[in-house]
N, C-alpha and C. Protein backbone atom coordinates (compact mmCIF):
# COMPACT_ATOMS: atom_id res chain seq x y z
N MET A 1 -39.05 62.55 -24.95
CA MET A 1 -39.28 61.24 -25.21
C MET A 1 -40.63 61.05 -25.80
N GLN A 2 -40.75 60.46 -26.96
CA GLN A 2 -42.15 60.10 -27.49
C GLN A 2 -43.10 59.76 -26.63
N SER A 3 -44.33 60.17 -26.65
CA SER A 3 -45.46 59.82 -25.82
C SER A 3 -46.85 59.70 -26.61
N TRP A 4 -47.81 59.36 -26.52
CA TRP A 4 -49.08 59.08 -27.09
C TRP A 4 -49.98 60.04 -26.23
N TYR A 5 -50.68 60.94 -27.08
CA TYR A 5 -51.49 61.79 -26.49
C TYR A 5 -52.87 61.56 -27.21
N LEU A 6 -53.86 62.17 -26.71
CA LEU A 6 -55.34 62.04 -27.25
C LEU A 6 -55.72 63.52 -27.64
N LEU A 7 -55.93 63.54 -28.83
CA LEU A 7 -56.66 65.13 -29.47
C LEU A 7 -57.97 64.96 -29.39
N TYR A 8 -58.73 66.03 -29.40
CA TYR A 8 -60.07 66.25 -29.88
C TYR A 8 -60.03 67.13 -31.18
N CYS A 9 -60.75 66.69 -32.29
CA CYS A 9 -60.92 67.66 -33.31
C CYS A 9 -61.91 68.25 -33.52
N LYS A 10 -61.85 69.27 -34.47
CA LYS A 10 -63.07 70.06 -35.00
C LYS A 10 -63.96 69.08 -35.69
N ARG A 11 -65.38 69.35 -35.54
CA ARG A 11 -66.42 68.58 -35.90
C ARG A 11 -65.99 68.37 -37.76
N GLY A 12 -65.92 67.18 -37.99
CA GLY A 12 -65.72 66.93 -39.61
C GLY A 12 -64.35 67.25 -40.07
N GLN A 13 -63.36 67.44 -39.25
CA GLN A 13 -62.05 68.08 -39.79
C GLN A 13 -60.98 66.80 -39.25
N LEU A 14 -61.33 65.79 -38.57
CA LEU A 14 -60.18 64.77 -38.49
C LEU A 14 -59.33 64.42 -39.45
N GLN A 15 -60.00 63.89 -40.65
CA GLN A 15 -58.92 63.76 -41.72
C GLN A 15 -57.98 64.87 -41.90
N ARG A 16 -58.44 66.24 -41.93
CA ARG A 16 -57.73 67.46 -42.35
C ARG A 16 -56.58 67.25 -41.32
N ALA A 17 -57.02 67.28 -40.05
CA ALA A 17 -55.84 67.05 -38.54
C ALA A 17 -54.92 66.04 -38.95
N GLN A 18 -55.22 64.97 -39.37
CA GLN A 18 -54.56 64.01 -39.33
C GLN A 18 -53.43 64.05 -40.49
N GLU A 19 -54.03 64.83 -41.68
CA GLU A 19 -53.09 65.08 -42.96
C GLU A 19 -51.77 65.96 -42.30
N HIS A 20 -52.41 67.08 -41.66
CA HIS A 20 -51.69 68.10 -41.37
C HIS A 20 -50.67 67.77 -40.42
N LEU A 21 -51.18 66.94 -39.36
CA LEU A 21 -50.09 66.40 -38.23
C LEU A 21 -49.11 65.49 -38.96
N GLU A 22 -49.34 64.71 -39.75
CA GLU A 22 -48.64 63.82 -40.38
C GLU A 22 -47.39 64.28 -41.45
N ARG A 23 -47.77 65.58 -41.93
CA ARG A 23 -46.74 66.59 -42.54
C ARG A 23 -45.73 67.02 -41.31
N GLN A 24 -46.08 66.99 -40.13
CA GLN A 24 -45.16 67.43 -39.17
C GLN A 24 -44.35 66.29 -38.69
N ALA A 25 -44.52 65.16 -39.24
CA ALA A 25 -43.86 63.87 -38.63
C ALA A 25 -44.41 63.55 -37.22
N VAL A 26 -45.80 63.63 -37.33
CA VAL A 26 -46.49 63.15 -35.93
C VAL A 26 -47.00 61.90 -36.38
N ASN A 27 -46.85 60.63 -35.71
CA ASN A 27 -47.65 59.60 -36.07
C ASN A 27 -49.31 59.63 -35.40
N CYS A 28 -49.95 59.07 -36.10
CA CYS A 28 -51.35 59.38 -35.93
C CYS A 28 -52.05 58.11 -35.83
N LEU A 29 -53.27 57.79 -35.12
CA LEU A 29 -53.85 56.71 -35.13
C LEU A 29 -55.38 57.14 -35.03
N THR A 30 -56.27 56.45 -35.82
CA THR A 30 -57.73 56.48 -35.78
C THR A 30 -58.03 55.22 -35.70
N PRO A 31 -58.49 54.43 -34.74
CA PRO A 31 -59.17 52.97 -35.00
C PRO A 31 -60.53 53.20 -35.69
N MET A 32 -60.45 52.37 -36.61
CA MET A 32 -61.71 52.52 -37.55
C MET A 32 -62.66 51.11 -37.24
N ILE A 33 -64.02 51.23 -37.48
CA ILE A 33 -64.86 50.14 -37.40
C ILE A 33 -65.71 50.24 -38.60
N THR A 34 -65.97 48.89 -38.88
CA THR A 34 -66.99 48.76 -40.14
C THR A 34 -68.49 48.68 -39.52
N LEU A 35 -69.29 49.44 -39.99
CA LEU A 35 -70.57 49.34 -39.70
C LEU A 35 -71.67 48.97 -40.95
N GLU A 36 -72.68 48.44 -40.73
CA GLU A 36 -73.65 48.02 -41.59
C GLU A 36 -74.69 48.87 -41.47
N LYS A 37 -75.00 49.74 -42.46
CA LYS A 37 -76.09 50.75 -42.54
C LYS A 37 -77.00 51.04 -43.47
N MET A 38 -77.94 51.74 -43.55
CA MET A 38 -78.97 51.86 -44.61
C MET A 38 -78.42 53.16 -45.16
N VAL A 39 -78.09 53.14 -46.45
CA VAL A 39 -77.55 54.24 -47.19
C VAL A 39 -78.41 54.23 -48.53
N ARG A 40 -79.03 55.19 -48.55
CA ARG A 40 -79.89 55.57 -49.88
C ARG A 40 -80.89 54.24 -50.29
N GLY A 41 -81.50 53.80 -49.15
CA GLY A 41 -82.34 52.75 -48.97
C GLY A 41 -81.71 51.42 -49.14
N LYS A 42 -80.10 51.25 -49.34
CA LYS A 42 -79.44 49.99 -49.60
C LYS A 42 -78.39 49.61 -48.43
N ARG A 43 -78.61 48.62 -47.99
CA ARG A 43 -77.65 48.23 -47.01
C ARG A 43 -76.22 48.17 -47.29
N THR A 44 -75.36 49.11 -46.75
CA THR A 44 -74.06 49.16 -47.03
C THR A 44 -73.08 49.10 -46.01
N ALA A 45 -71.86 48.53 -46.17
CA ALA A 45 -70.89 48.34 -45.10
C ALA A 45 -70.08 50.11 -45.22
N VAL A 46 -69.99 50.54 -43.97
CA VAL A 46 -69.29 51.99 -43.83
C VAL A 46 -68.38 51.73 -42.87
N SER A 47 -67.36 52.52 -43.22
CA SER A 47 -66.31 52.58 -41.99
C SER A 47 -66.26 53.96 -41.64
N GLU A 48 -66.14 53.89 -40.14
CA GLU A 48 -66.22 55.17 -39.37
C GLU A 48 -65.23 54.98 -38.24
N PRO A 49 -64.77 56.08 -37.67
CA PRO A 49 -63.83 56.17 -36.57
C PRO A 49 -64.56 55.38 -35.37
N LEU A 50 -63.77 54.60 -34.61
CA LEU A 50 -64.25 54.17 -33.42
C LEU A 50 -64.76 55.05 -32.45
N PHE A 51 -63.67 56.33 -32.39
CA PHE A 51 -64.04 57.32 -31.57
C PHE A 51 -64.17 58.63 -32.32
N PRO A 52 -65.44 59.12 -32.77
CA PRO A 52 -65.62 60.26 -33.73
C PRO A 52 -64.97 61.33 -33.01
N ASN A 53 -64.21 62.10 -33.92
CA ASN A 53 -63.54 63.39 -33.68
C ASN A 53 -62.37 63.04 -32.62
N TYR A 54 -61.82 61.92 -32.51
CA TYR A 54 -60.71 61.81 -31.41
C TYR A 54 -59.66 61.22 -32.29
N LEU A 55 -58.32 61.62 -32.11
CA LEU A 55 -57.01 61.23 -32.71
C LEU A 55 -55.95 60.84 -31.69
N PHE A 56 -55.51 60.01 -31.83
CA PHE A 56 -54.33 59.36 -31.17
C PHE A 56 -53.24 60.00 -31.84
N VAL A 57 -52.49 60.72 -30.92
CA VAL A 57 -51.00 60.96 -31.59
C VAL A 57 -50.09 60.83 -30.84
N GLU A 58 -48.64 60.27 -31.52
CA GLU A 58 -47.29 60.09 -30.69
C GLU A 58 -46.53 61.22 -31.26
N PHE A 59 -45.79 61.97 -30.53
CA PHE A 59 -44.69 62.94 -30.71
C PHE A 59 -43.90 63.15 -29.57
N ASP A 60 -42.76 63.93 -29.51
CA ASP A 60 -41.97 64.28 -28.34
C ASP A 60 -42.16 65.65 -28.22
N PRO A 61 -42.59 66.21 -27.20
CA PRO A 61 -42.93 67.30 -26.77
C PRO A 61 -41.74 68.17 -26.78
N GLU A 62 -40.32 67.78 -26.28
CA GLU A 62 -39.29 68.39 -26.46
C GLU A 62 -38.77 68.68 -27.98
N VAL A 63 -39.40 68.06 -28.84
CA VAL A 63 -39.01 68.31 -30.48
C VAL A 63 -40.08 69.35 -31.05
N ILE A 64 -41.49 68.61 -30.62
CA ILE A 64 -42.52 69.49 -31.29
C ILE A 64 -43.56 70.00 -30.10
N HIS A 65 -43.61 71.33 -29.94
CA HIS A 65 -44.35 71.70 -28.72
C HIS A 65 -45.79 71.42 -28.76
N THR A 66 -46.39 71.27 -27.74
CA THR A 66 -47.82 70.92 -27.75
C THR A 66 -48.71 72.21 -28.61
N THR A 67 -48.18 73.59 -28.13
CA THR A 67 -48.99 74.38 -28.85
C THR A 67 -48.93 74.50 -30.53
N THR A 68 -47.68 74.02 -31.04
CA THR A 68 -47.57 73.58 -32.50
C THR A 68 -48.73 72.65 -32.95
N ILE A 69 -48.95 71.48 -32.07
CA ILE A 69 -49.73 70.39 -32.28
C ILE A 69 -51.39 71.18 -32.16
N ASN A 70 -51.53 72.00 -31.26
CA ASN A 70 -52.70 72.46 -30.89
C ASN A 70 -53.39 73.58 -31.84
N ALA A 71 -52.27 74.35 -32.48
CA ALA A 71 -52.60 75.44 -33.66
C ALA A 71 -52.78 74.44 -35.07
N THR A 72 -52.55 73.40 -35.06
CA THR A 72 -52.48 72.51 -36.27
C THR A 72 -54.13 72.83 -36.80
N ARG A 73 -54.24 72.94 -38.15
CA ARG A 73 -55.83 72.95 -38.80
C ARG A 73 -56.54 71.70 -38.45
N GLY A 74 -57.43 71.71 -37.90
CA GLY A 74 -58.49 70.63 -37.66
C GLY A 74 -58.57 70.24 -36.47
N VAL A 75 -57.52 70.49 -35.67
CA VAL A 75 -57.33 70.22 -34.15
C VAL A 75 -58.25 71.54 -33.36
N SER A 76 -58.85 70.59 -32.30
CA SER A 76 -59.43 71.64 -31.23
C SER A 76 -58.68 71.75 -30.10
N HIS A 77 -58.42 70.73 -29.63
CA HIS A 77 -57.60 70.78 -28.34
C HIS A 77 -57.31 69.48 -27.72
N PHE A 78 -55.98 69.38 -26.92
CA PHE A 78 -55.72 68.03 -26.15
C PHE A 78 -56.87 67.58 -25.35
N VAL A 79 -56.90 66.19 -24.92
CA VAL A 79 -57.63 65.88 -23.77
C VAL A 79 -56.54 65.99 -22.43
N ARG A 80 -57.02 66.71 -21.55
CA ARG A 80 -56.14 67.04 -20.53
C ARG A 80 -56.56 66.44 -19.15
N PHE A 81 -55.59 66.22 -18.26
CA PHE A 81 -56.17 66.19 -16.68
C PHE A 81 -55.39 67.16 -16.23
N GLY A 82 -56.03 67.92 -15.72
CA GLY A 82 -55.57 69.49 -15.28
C GLY A 82 -54.95 70.44 -16.25
N ALA A 83 -53.81 70.80 -16.04
CA ALA A 83 -53.09 71.67 -16.88
C ALA A 83 -52.40 70.77 -18.16
N HIS A 84 -52.37 69.39 -17.85
CA HIS A 84 -51.11 68.93 -18.64
C HIS A 84 -51.98 67.91 -19.55
N PRO A 85 -51.60 67.82 -20.79
CA PRO A 85 -52.36 66.88 -21.74
C PRO A 85 -52.09 65.39 -21.09
N ALA A 86 -53.12 64.69 -21.21
CA ALA A 86 -53.03 63.37 -20.81
C ALA A 86 -52.42 62.46 -21.67
N THR A 87 -51.45 61.54 -21.49
CA THR A 87 -50.64 60.64 -21.99
C THR A 87 -51.65 59.38 -21.98
N VAL A 88 -51.40 58.56 -23.18
CA VAL A 88 -52.15 57.24 -23.27
C VAL A 88 -51.02 56.28 -23.27
N PRO A 89 -51.49 55.33 -22.42
CA PRO A 89 -50.36 54.34 -22.27
C PRO A 89 -49.95 53.45 -23.68
N SER A 90 -48.88 53.09 -23.75
CA SER A 90 -48.33 52.50 -25.14
C SER A 90 -49.33 51.22 -25.46
N ASN A 91 -49.34 50.37 -24.23
CA ASN A 91 -50.25 49.15 -24.13
C ASN A 91 -51.70 49.51 -24.83
N VAL A 92 -52.04 50.51 -24.44
CA VAL A 92 -53.46 50.89 -25.02
C VAL A 92 -53.50 51.09 -26.56
N ILE A 93 -52.64 51.95 -26.87
CA ILE A 93 -52.43 52.23 -28.31
C ILE A 93 -52.20 50.82 -29.12
N HIS A 94 -51.42 49.93 -28.59
CA HIS A 94 -51.05 48.59 -29.20
C HIS A 94 -52.38 47.78 -29.41
N GLN A 95 -53.05 47.79 -28.23
CA GLN A 95 -54.47 47.12 -28.26
C GLN A 95 -55.49 47.64 -29.06
N LEU A 96 -55.37 49.02 -29.32
CA LEU A 96 -56.30 49.50 -30.38
C LEU A 96 -55.86 49.39 -31.75
N SER A 97 -54.51 49.27 -31.97
CA SER A 97 -53.99 49.10 -33.33
C SER A 97 -54.21 47.54 -33.74
N VAL A 98 -54.51 46.52 -33.12
CA VAL A 98 -54.45 45.41 -33.32
C VAL A 98 -55.84 44.89 -33.32
N TYR A 99 -56.65 45.78 -32.72
CA TYR A 99 -58.08 45.20 -32.52
C TYR A 99 -58.79 45.38 -33.71
N LYS A 100 -59.53 44.36 -34.40
CA LYS A 100 -59.96 44.22 -35.56
C LYS A 100 -61.77 43.63 -35.32
N PRO A 101 -62.60 44.58 -35.04
CA PRO A 101 -63.82 44.13 -34.50
C PRO A 101 -64.63 43.74 -35.75
N GLU A 102 -65.61 42.82 -35.44
CA GLU A 102 -66.29 42.17 -36.36
C GLU A 102 -67.29 43.52 -36.95
N GLY A 103 -67.85 42.99 -37.90
CA GLY A 103 -68.68 44.32 -38.53
C GLY A 103 -69.92 44.30 -37.54
N ILE A 104 -70.09 45.65 -37.27
CA ILE A 104 -71.49 45.67 -36.47
C ILE A 104 -72.71 46.42 -37.18
N VAL A 105 -73.69 45.93 -37.14
CA VAL A 105 -74.82 46.40 -37.49
C VAL A 105 -75.63 47.20 -37.03
N ASP A 106 -76.11 48.35 -37.57
CA ASP A 106 -76.70 49.53 -37.00
C ASP A 106 -77.84 49.23 -36.38
N PRO A 107 -78.40 49.31 -35.19
CA PRO A 107 -79.55 48.62 -34.62
C PRO A 107 -80.91 49.47 -35.06
N GLU A 108 -80.64 50.37 -35.90
CA GLU A 108 -81.84 51.01 -36.56
C GLU A 108 -81.77 50.22 -38.18
N THR A 109 -81.04 49.37 -38.48
CA THR A 109 -81.17 48.79 -39.80
C THR A 109 -82.32 47.74 -39.79
N PRO A 110 -83.10 47.90 -40.73
CA PRO A 110 -84.08 46.76 -40.58
C PRO A 110 -83.77 45.35 -41.59
N TYR A 111 -84.27 44.22 -41.08
CA TYR A 111 -83.88 43.01 -41.93
C TYR A 111 -85.27 42.63 -42.47
N PRO A 112 -85.05 41.77 -43.47
CA PRO A 112 -86.14 41.38 -44.11
C PRO A 112 -87.03 40.56 -43.02
N GLY A 113 -88.38 40.80 -43.06
CA GLY A 113 -89.23 40.25 -42.28
C GLY A 113 -89.66 40.96 -41.04
N ASP A 114 -88.90 41.98 -40.69
CA ASP A 114 -89.19 42.92 -39.59
C ASP A 114 -90.19 43.93 -39.95
N SER A 115 -91.07 44.15 -39.08
CA SER A 115 -91.88 45.17 -39.28
C SER A 115 -91.58 46.48 -38.90
N VAL A 116 -91.94 47.66 -39.68
CA VAL A 116 -91.52 48.83 -39.90
C VAL A 116 -92.69 49.73 -39.78
N ILE A 117 -92.68 51.03 -39.07
CA ILE A 117 -93.43 51.92 -38.92
C ILE A 117 -93.17 53.27 -39.66
N ILE A 118 -94.05 53.49 -40.86
CA ILE A 118 -93.42 54.51 -41.51
C ILE A 118 -94.60 55.82 -41.33
N THR A 119 -93.65 56.90 -40.78
CA THR A 119 -94.20 58.08 -40.55
C THR A 119 -93.92 59.06 -41.50
N GLY A 120 -94.88 60.03 -41.41
CA GLY A 120 -94.70 61.34 -42.47
C GLY A 120 -95.71 62.25 -42.16
N ARG A 121 -95.49 63.36 -42.70
CA ARG A 121 -96.61 64.44 -42.55
C ARG A 121 -97.35 64.67 -43.99
N ARG A 122 -98.63 64.95 -44.05
CA ARG A 122 -99.13 65.22 -45.17
C ARG A 122 -98.59 66.61 -45.74
N ILE A 123 -98.50 66.66 -47.04
CA ILE A 123 -98.06 67.92 -47.98
C ILE A 123 -99.37 68.65 -48.32
């Protein structure tokens, strides 16, 4: 029976893990959030994972064994409770898939009129 599980991916390899898992017919979910950040001195909207390095996956362990998933490029390990991979309830997945948060502003992003302190070292 298909269930949802939570994977922890290697740093910077979330996209790679998702691509390789989807090739194995595994459903993947990475909830995204839009943040407003300063990039190269300009305020820019950036889309980032809501849970960095975590990937929700749906598969049937009777069809695709957990060791196959764990051996997929980019995957570090399953989130576990004891010896067994933790299952994620379907209603949680549904809430995450329909959740569309408002854009969030990085608290470090200054606005016009804010006072800032510029620090640096002498060369």
